[in-house]
Amino acid sequence: MRMSTKAQYAVRAMVNLNLYSDGSPVTLRDISLRESISLTYLEQLFVKLRRGEIVKSVRGPGGGYLLARPAQDIQVDEIIDSVEESLVPVSCMDQKHGCVCDDQCVTHNVWHGLAERIRDFLSSITLEELTLEAKGRSGKSKTNS
């Protein structure tokens, strides 16, 4: 199973936003340059993240994006859900399309259990924890730009 680029980029962008914000807005252009993610793609993701109340936008000179709430209150699964990515391991568990089997598939319980474990794992990790890990790897602090 692979996580989509949409989900991966959203999580990376959120860590970058938290890492470099220091209480002031961060531009998508800056995130784009640091993360090597297309600016157009980030704009699409941040519209969804704003709708999901993960980030808030600040207009005007010095504008950009800020976290809508503290990083310790934002879980990775929320970020992924905000960009409308499914956390189910197989397509037949997708609520939009549903299972194509007439009767419940014999492997349904396996996939359901896996989906629960994935969700539990991702909901146990906060944006703050990921940011601290990123700081440790890069040697950067929130005040270093």
C-alpha atoms as a PDB file:
ATOM      1  CA  MET A   1       0.000   0.000   0.000  1.00  0.00           C
ATOM      2  CA  ARG A   2       1.248   3.449  -0.854  1.00  0.00           C
ATOM      3  CA  MET A   3       0.173   6.792   0.508  1.00  0.00           C
ATOM      4  CA  SER A   4      -0.668   9.216  -2.299  1.00  0.00           C
ATOM      5  CA  THR A   5       1.585  12.143  -3.165  1.00  0.00           C
ATOM      6  CA  LYS A   6      -1.272  14.424  -2.143  1.00  0.00           C
ATOM      7  CA  ALA A   7      -1.138  13.047   1.406  1.00  0.00           C
ATOM      8  CA  GLN A   8       2.672  12.991   1.526  1.00  0.00           C
ATOM      9  CA  TYR A   9       3.010  16.554   0.250  1.00  0.00           C
ATOM     10  CA  ALA A  10       0.322  17.849   2.613  1.00  0.00           C
ATOM     11  CA  VAL A  11       2.084  16.377   5.648  1.00  0.00           C
ATOM     12  CA  ARG A  12       5.516  17.625   4.482  1.00  0.00           C
ATOM     13  CA  ALA A  13       4.135  21.106   3.824  1.00  0.00           C
ATOM     14  CA  MET A  14       2.494  21.237   7.254  1.00  0.00           C
ATOM     15  CA  VAL A  15       5.729  20.249   8.985  1.00  0.00           C
ATOM     16  CA  ASN A  16       7.554  22.922   6.993  1.00  0.00           C
ATOM     17  CA  LEU A  17       4.915  25.532   7.871  1.00  0.00           C
ATOM     18  CA  ASN A  18       5.206  24.716  11.559  1.00  0.00           C
ATOM     19  CA  LEU A  19       8.993  24.583  11.445  1.00  0.00           C
ATOM     20  CA  TYR A  20       9.392  28.024   9.865  1.00  0.00           C
ATOM     21  CA  SER A  21       6.363  29.942  11.158  1.00  0.00           C
ATOM     22  CA  ASP A  22       7.596  31.320  14.509  1.00  0.00           C
ATOM     23  CA  GLY A  23       4.165  32.952  14.862  1.00  0.00           C
ATOM     24  CA  SER A  24       4.265  34.817  11.556  1.00  0.00           C
ATOM     25  CA  PRO A  25       2.696  33.736   8.263  1.00  0.00           C
ATOM     26  CA  VAL A  26       4.697  31.562   5.867  1.00  0.00           C
ATOM     27  CA  THR A  27       4.239  31.906   2.128  1.00  0.00           C
ATOM     28  CA  LEU A  28       3.495  28.953  -0.079  1.00  0.00           C
ATOM     29  CA  ARG A  29       6.344  30.087  -2.317  1.00  0.00           C
ATOM     30  CA  ASP A  30       8.793  29.598   0.573  1.00  0.00           C
ATOM     31  CA  ILE A  31       7.374  26.149   1.357  1.00  0.00           C
ATOM     32  CA  SER A  32       7.492  25.296  -2.349  1.00  0.00           C
ATOM     33  CA  LEU A  33      11.168  26.201  -2.589  1.00  0.00           C
ATOM     34  CA  ARG A  34      12.177  24.382   0.598  1.00  0.00           C
ATOM     35  CA  GLU A  35      10.166  21.218  -0.140  1.00  0.00           C
ATOM     36  CA  SER A  36      10.501  21.161  -3.953  1.00  0.00           C
ATOM     37  CA  ILE A  37       6.730  20.942  -4.336  1.00  0.00           C
ATOM     38  CA  SER A  38       4.981  22.779  -7.157  1.00  0.00           C
ATOM     39  CA  LEU A  39       3.472  26.079  -6.014  1.00  0.00           C
ATOM     40  CA  THR A  40       0.280  25.330  -7.949  1.00  0.00           C
ATOM     41  CA  TYR A  41      -0.040  21.964  -6.222  1.00  0.00           C
ATOM     42  CA  LEU A  42       0.519  23.551  -2.801  1.00  0.00           C
ATOM     43  CA  GLU A  43      -2.167  26.136  -3.519  1.00  0.00           C
ATOM     44  CA  GLN A  44      -4.649  23.338  -4.195  1.00  0.00           C
ATOM     45  CA  LEU A  45      -3.656  21.491  -1.022  1.00  0.00           C
ATOM     46  CA  PHE A  46      -3.858  24.589   1.163  1.00  0.00           C
ATOM     47  CA  VAL A  47      -7.370  25.390  -0.037  1.00  0.00           C
ATOM     48  CA  LYS A  48      -8.370  21.987   1.332  1.00  0.00           C
ATOM     49  CA  LEU A  49      -6.306  22.389   4.507  1.00  0.00           C
ATOM     50  CA  ARG A  50      -8.008  25.744   5.124  1.00  0.00           C
ATOM     51  CA  ARG A  51     -11.444  24.185   4.616  1.00  0.00           C
ATOM     52  CA  GLY A  52     -10.414  21.452   7.055  1.00  0.00           C
ATOM     53  CA  GLU A  53      -9.540  24.152   9.604  1.00  0.00           C
ATOM     54  CA  ILE A  54      -5.931  22.995   9.777  1.00  0.00           C
ATOM     55  CA  VAL A  55      -4.493  26.300   8.523  1.00  0.00           C
ATOM     56  CA  LYS A  56      -5.688  29.873   8.224  1.00  0.00           C
ATOM     57  CA  SER A  57      -4.657  32.392   5.614  1.00  0.00           C
ATOM     58  CA  VAL A  58      -3.385  35.907   6.183  1.00  0.00           C
ATOM     59  CA  ARG A  59      -3.852  38.355   3.315  1.00  0.00           C
ATOM     60  CA  GLY A  60      -1.786  41.323   2.291  1.00  0.00           C
ATOM     61  CA  PRO A  61       1.898  42.193   2.554  1.00  0.00           C
ATOM     62  CA  GLY A  62       3.598  39.760   4.870  1.00  0.00           C
ATOM     63  CA  GLY A  63       0.694  37.375   4.369  1.00  0.00           C
ATOM     64  CA  GLY A  64       0.766  33.642   4.031  1.00  0.00           C
ATOM     65  CA  TYR A  65      -0.435  30.764   6.153  1.00  0.00           C
ATOM     66  CA  LEU A  66      -0.495  29.962   9.855  1.00  0.00           C
ATOM     67  CA  LEU A  67      -1.659  26.932  11.761  1.00  0.00           C
ATOM     68  CA  ALA A  68      -5.315  27.265  12.743  1.00  0.00           C
ATOM     69  CA  ARG A  69      -4.572  25.685  16.126  1.00  0.00           C
ATOM     70  CA  PRO A  70      -1.519  24.509  18.068  1.00  0.00           C
ATOM     71  CA  ALA A  71       0.616  21.837  16.379  1.00  0.00           C
ATOM     72  CA  GLN A  72       0.187  19.487  19.340  1.00  0.00           C
ATOM     73  CA  ASP A  73      -3.568  19.503  18.590  1.00  0.00           C
ATOM     74  CA  ILE A  74      -3.200  18.498  14.914  1.00  0.00           C
ATOM     75  CA  GLN A  75      -2.875  14.792  14.129  1.00  0.00           C
ATOM     76  CA  VAL A  76      -1.437  13.400  10.893  1.00  0.00           C
ATOM     77  CA  ASP A  77      -4.701  11.629  10.035  1.00  0.00           C
ATOM     78  CA  GLU A  78      -6.517  14.998  10.152  1.00  0.00           C
ATOM     79  CA  ILE A  79      -4.096  16.472   7.637  1.00  0.00           C
ATOM     80  CA  ILE A  80      -4.606  13.524   5.301  1.00  0.00           C
ATOM     81  CA  ASP A  81      -8.383  13.618   5.739  1.00  0.00           C
ATOM     82  CA  SER A  82      -8.378  17.350   4.959  1.00  0.00           C
ATOM     83  CA  VAL A  83      -6.861  16.786   1.540  1.00  0.00           C
ATOM     84  CA  GLU A  84      -9.555  14.149   0.943  1.00  0.00           C
ATOM     85  CA  GLU A  85      -7.338  11.122   0.907  1.00  0.00           C
ATOM     86  CA  SER A  86      -8.682   7.767   1.929  1.00  0.00           C
ATOM     87  CA  LEU A  87      -6.907   5.816   4.632  1.00  0.00           C
ATOM     88  CA  VAL A  88      -8.397   2.488   3.586  1.00  0.00           C
ATOM     89  CA  PRO A  89      -5.919  -0.147   2.401  1.00  0.00           C
ATOM     90  CA  VAL A  90      -8.063  -1.591  -0.423  1.00  0.00           C
ATOM     91  CA  SER A  91     -10.424   0.036  -2.905  1.00  0.00           C
ATOM     92  CA  CYS A  92     -13.398  -2.142  -1.964  1.00  0.00           C
ATOM     93  CA  MET A  93     -13.482  -0.422   1.438  1.00  0.00           C
ATOM     94  CA  ASP A  94     -13.911   2.984  -0.157  1.00  0.00           C
ATOM     95  CA  GLN A  95     -17.252   4.345   1.030  1.00  0.00           C
ATOM     96  CA  LYS A  96     -17.901   6.042  -2.329  1.00  0.00           C
ATOM     97  CA  HIS A  97     -17.745   2.843  -4.369  1.00  0.00           C
ATOM     98  CA  GLY A  98     -18.223   0.096  -1.798  1.00  0.00           C
ATOM     99  CA  CYS A  99     -17.423  -3.578  -2.101  1.00  0.00           C
ATOM    100  CA  VAL A 100     -18.289  -5.235  -5.393  1.00  0.00           C
ATOM    101  CA  CYS A 101     -18.894  -8.622  -3.758  1.00  0.00           C
ATOM    102  CA  ASP A 102     -22.519  -9.650  -3.302  1.00  0.00           C
ATOM    103  CA  ASP A 103     -21.689 -11.115   0.092  1.00  0.00           C
ATOM    104  CA  GLN A 104     -19.063  -9.912   2.508  1.00  0.00           C
ATOM    105  CA  CYS A 105     -15.621 -10.843   1.216  1.00  0.00           C
ATOM    106  CA  VAL A 106     -13.794 -13.492   3.259  1.00  0.00           C
ATOM    107  CA  THR A 107     -10.866 -11.067   3.647  1.00  0.00           C
ATOM    108  CA  HIS A 108     -13.036  -8.121   4.707  1.00  0.00           C
ATOM    109  CA  ASN A 109     -12.061  -8.444   8.377  1.00  0.00           C
ATOM    110  CA  VAL A 110      -8.348  -8.413   7.492  1.00  0.00           C
ATOM    111  CA  TRP A 111      -8.675  -5.182   5.484  1.00  0.00           C
ATOM    112  CA  HIS A 112     -10.951  -3.606   8.080  1.00  0.00           C
ATOM    113  CA  GLY A 113      -8.451  -4.420  10.860  1.00  0.00           C
ATOM    114  CA  LEU A 114      -5.583  -3.024   8.810  1.00  0.00           C
ATOM    115  CA  ALA A 115      -7.514   0.189   8.129  1.00  0.00           C
ATOM    116  CA  GLU A 116      -8.176   0.606  11.867  1.00  0.00           C
ATOM    117  CA  ARG A 117      -4.486   0.140  12.680  1.00  0.00           C
ATOM    118  CA  ILE A 118      -3.428   2.643  10.021  1.00  0.00           C
ATOM    119  CA  ARG A 119      -5.903   5.215  11.354  1.00  0.00           C
ATOM    120  CA  ASP A 120      -4.892   4.557  14.982  1.00  0.00           C
ATOM    121  CA  PHE A 121      -1.208   4.937  14.108  1.00  0.00           C
ATOM    122  CA  LEU A 122      -1.627   8.164  12.140  1.00  0.00           C
ATOM    123  CA  SER A 123      -3.941   9.657  14.754  1.00  0.00           C
ATOM    124  CA  SER A 124      -1.320   8.973  17.424  1.00  0.00           C
ATOM    125  CA  ILE A 125       1.236  11.280  15.763  1.00  0.00           C
ATOM    126  CA  THR A 126       0.939  15.036  16.101  1.00  0.00           C
ATOM    127  CA  LEU A 127       2.287  17.735  13.843  1.00  0.00           C
ATOM    128  CA  GLU A 128       4.388  18.918  16.779  1.00  0.00           C
ATOM    129  CA  GLU A 129       6.068  15.510  17.081  1.00  0.00           C
ATOM    130  CA  LEU A 130       6.900  15.480  13.365  1.00  0.00           C
ATOM    131  CA  THR A 131       8.255  19.021  13.602  1.00  0.00           C
ATOM    132  CA  LEU A 132      10.503  18.092  16.521  1.00  0.00           C
ATOM    133  CA  GLU A 133      11.803  15.142  14.520  1.00  0.00           C
ATOM    134  CA  ALA A 134      12.447  17.407  11.523  1.00  0.00           C
ATOM    135  CA  LYS A 135      14.334  19.862  13.749  1.00  0.00           C
ATOM    136  CA  GLY A 136      16.499  17.045  15.050  1.00  0.00           C
ATOM    137  CA  ARG A 137      17.349  15.832  11.554  1.00  0.00           C
ATOM    138  CA  SER A 138      18.097  19.223  10.042  1.00  0.00           C
ATOM    139  CA  GLY A 139      19.561  20.960  13.065  1.00  0.00           C
ATOM    140  CA  LYS A 140      17.131  23.826  12.368  1.00  0.00           C
ATOM    141  CA  SER A 141      15.132  25.608  14.966  1.00  0.00           C
ATOM    142  CA  LYS A 142      11.935  27.514  14.397  1.00  0.00           C
ATOM    143  CA  THR A 143      13.897  30.746  14.534  1.00  0.00           C
ATOM    144  CA  ASN A 144      16.399  29.709  11.833  1.00  0.00           C
ATOM    145  CA  SER A 145      15.128  30.431   8.322  1.00  0.00           C
END
